[in-house]
Protein backbone atom coordinates (compact mmCIF):
# COMPACT_ATOMS: atom_id res chain seq x y z
CA MET A 1 -43.27 120.96 -85.33
CA GLY A 2 -45.73 123.78 -85.48
CA THR A 3 -48.55 123.79 -87.97
CA PRO A 4 -49.93 126.71 -90.00
CA GLN A 5 -52.68 126.99 -87.36
CA THR A 6 -50.22 127.96 -84.60
CA SER A 7 -50.09 131.54 -83.42
CA ALA A 8 -46.38 132.02 -84.22
CA PRO A 9 -45.85 131.20 -87.91
CA HIS A 10 -42.25 132.50 -88.06
CA VAL A 11 -40.90 130.35 -85.24
CA ALA A 12 -40.91 126.55 -85.25
CA LEU A 13 -42.87 125.39 -82.23
CA LEU A 14 -43.18 121.95 -80.74
CA GLU A 15 -46.83 120.94 -80.59
CA PRO A 16 -48.30 119.45 -77.40
CA PRO A 17 -47.99 115.66 -77.50
CA GLY A 18 -51.73 114.98 -77.69
CA PHE A 19 -53.43 111.65 -77.07
CA LEU A 20 -50.79 108.85 -76.92
CA MET A 21 -48.25 111.41 -78.24
CA LEU A 22 -49.70 110.98 -81.75
CA ASN A 23 -48.80 114.58 -82.67
CA TYR A 24 -45.16 113.41 -82.74
CA GLY A 25 -45.91 110.77 -85.38
CA PRO A 26 -47.95 107.60 -85.66
CA GLY A 27 -45.06 105.35 -84.56
CA THR A 28 -44.43 107.19 -81.30
CA PRO A 29 -46.73 105.06 -79.10
CA ALA A 30 -45.16 101.83 -80.40
CA VAL A 31 -41.61 103.10 -79.88
CA THR A 32 -42.47 104.38 -76.39
CA LEU A 33 -44.07 101.07 -75.41
CA THR A 34 -41.12 99.09 -76.80
CA ALA A 35 -38.63 101.28 -74.92
CA HIS A 36 -40.58 100.88 -71.68
CA LEU A 37 -40.72 97.10 -72.09
CA ALA A 38 -37.00 96.90 -72.84
CA TYR A 39 -36.15 99.06 -69.83
CA GLY A 40 -38.40 96.96 -67.60
CA ALA A 41 -36.80 93.76 -68.85
CA ILE A 42 -33.30 95.08 -68.16
CA VAL A 43 -34.18 96.34 -64.68
CA GLY A 44 -36.17 93.18 -63.94
CA GLY A 45 -33.17 91.09 -64.95
CA PHE A 46 -31.12 92.70 -62.19
CA LEU A 47 -33.84 92.21 -59.59
CA THR A 48 -34.41 88.48 -59.97
CA PRO A 49 -33.51 86.55 -56.83
CA PRO A 50 -30.43 84.35 -57.10
CA GLY A 51 -31.29 80.75 -57.38
């Protein structure tokens, strides 16, 4: 959410994500990477050749 340094103190603003989306919390890069790996594993499971 917005910080006291934002230009609109009366309205909650969503900050820009920043480097590796760290403005959304320190766990965001790990959760994003885990979600991407899980998605890739699921999609990759459907694309394996029958054998």
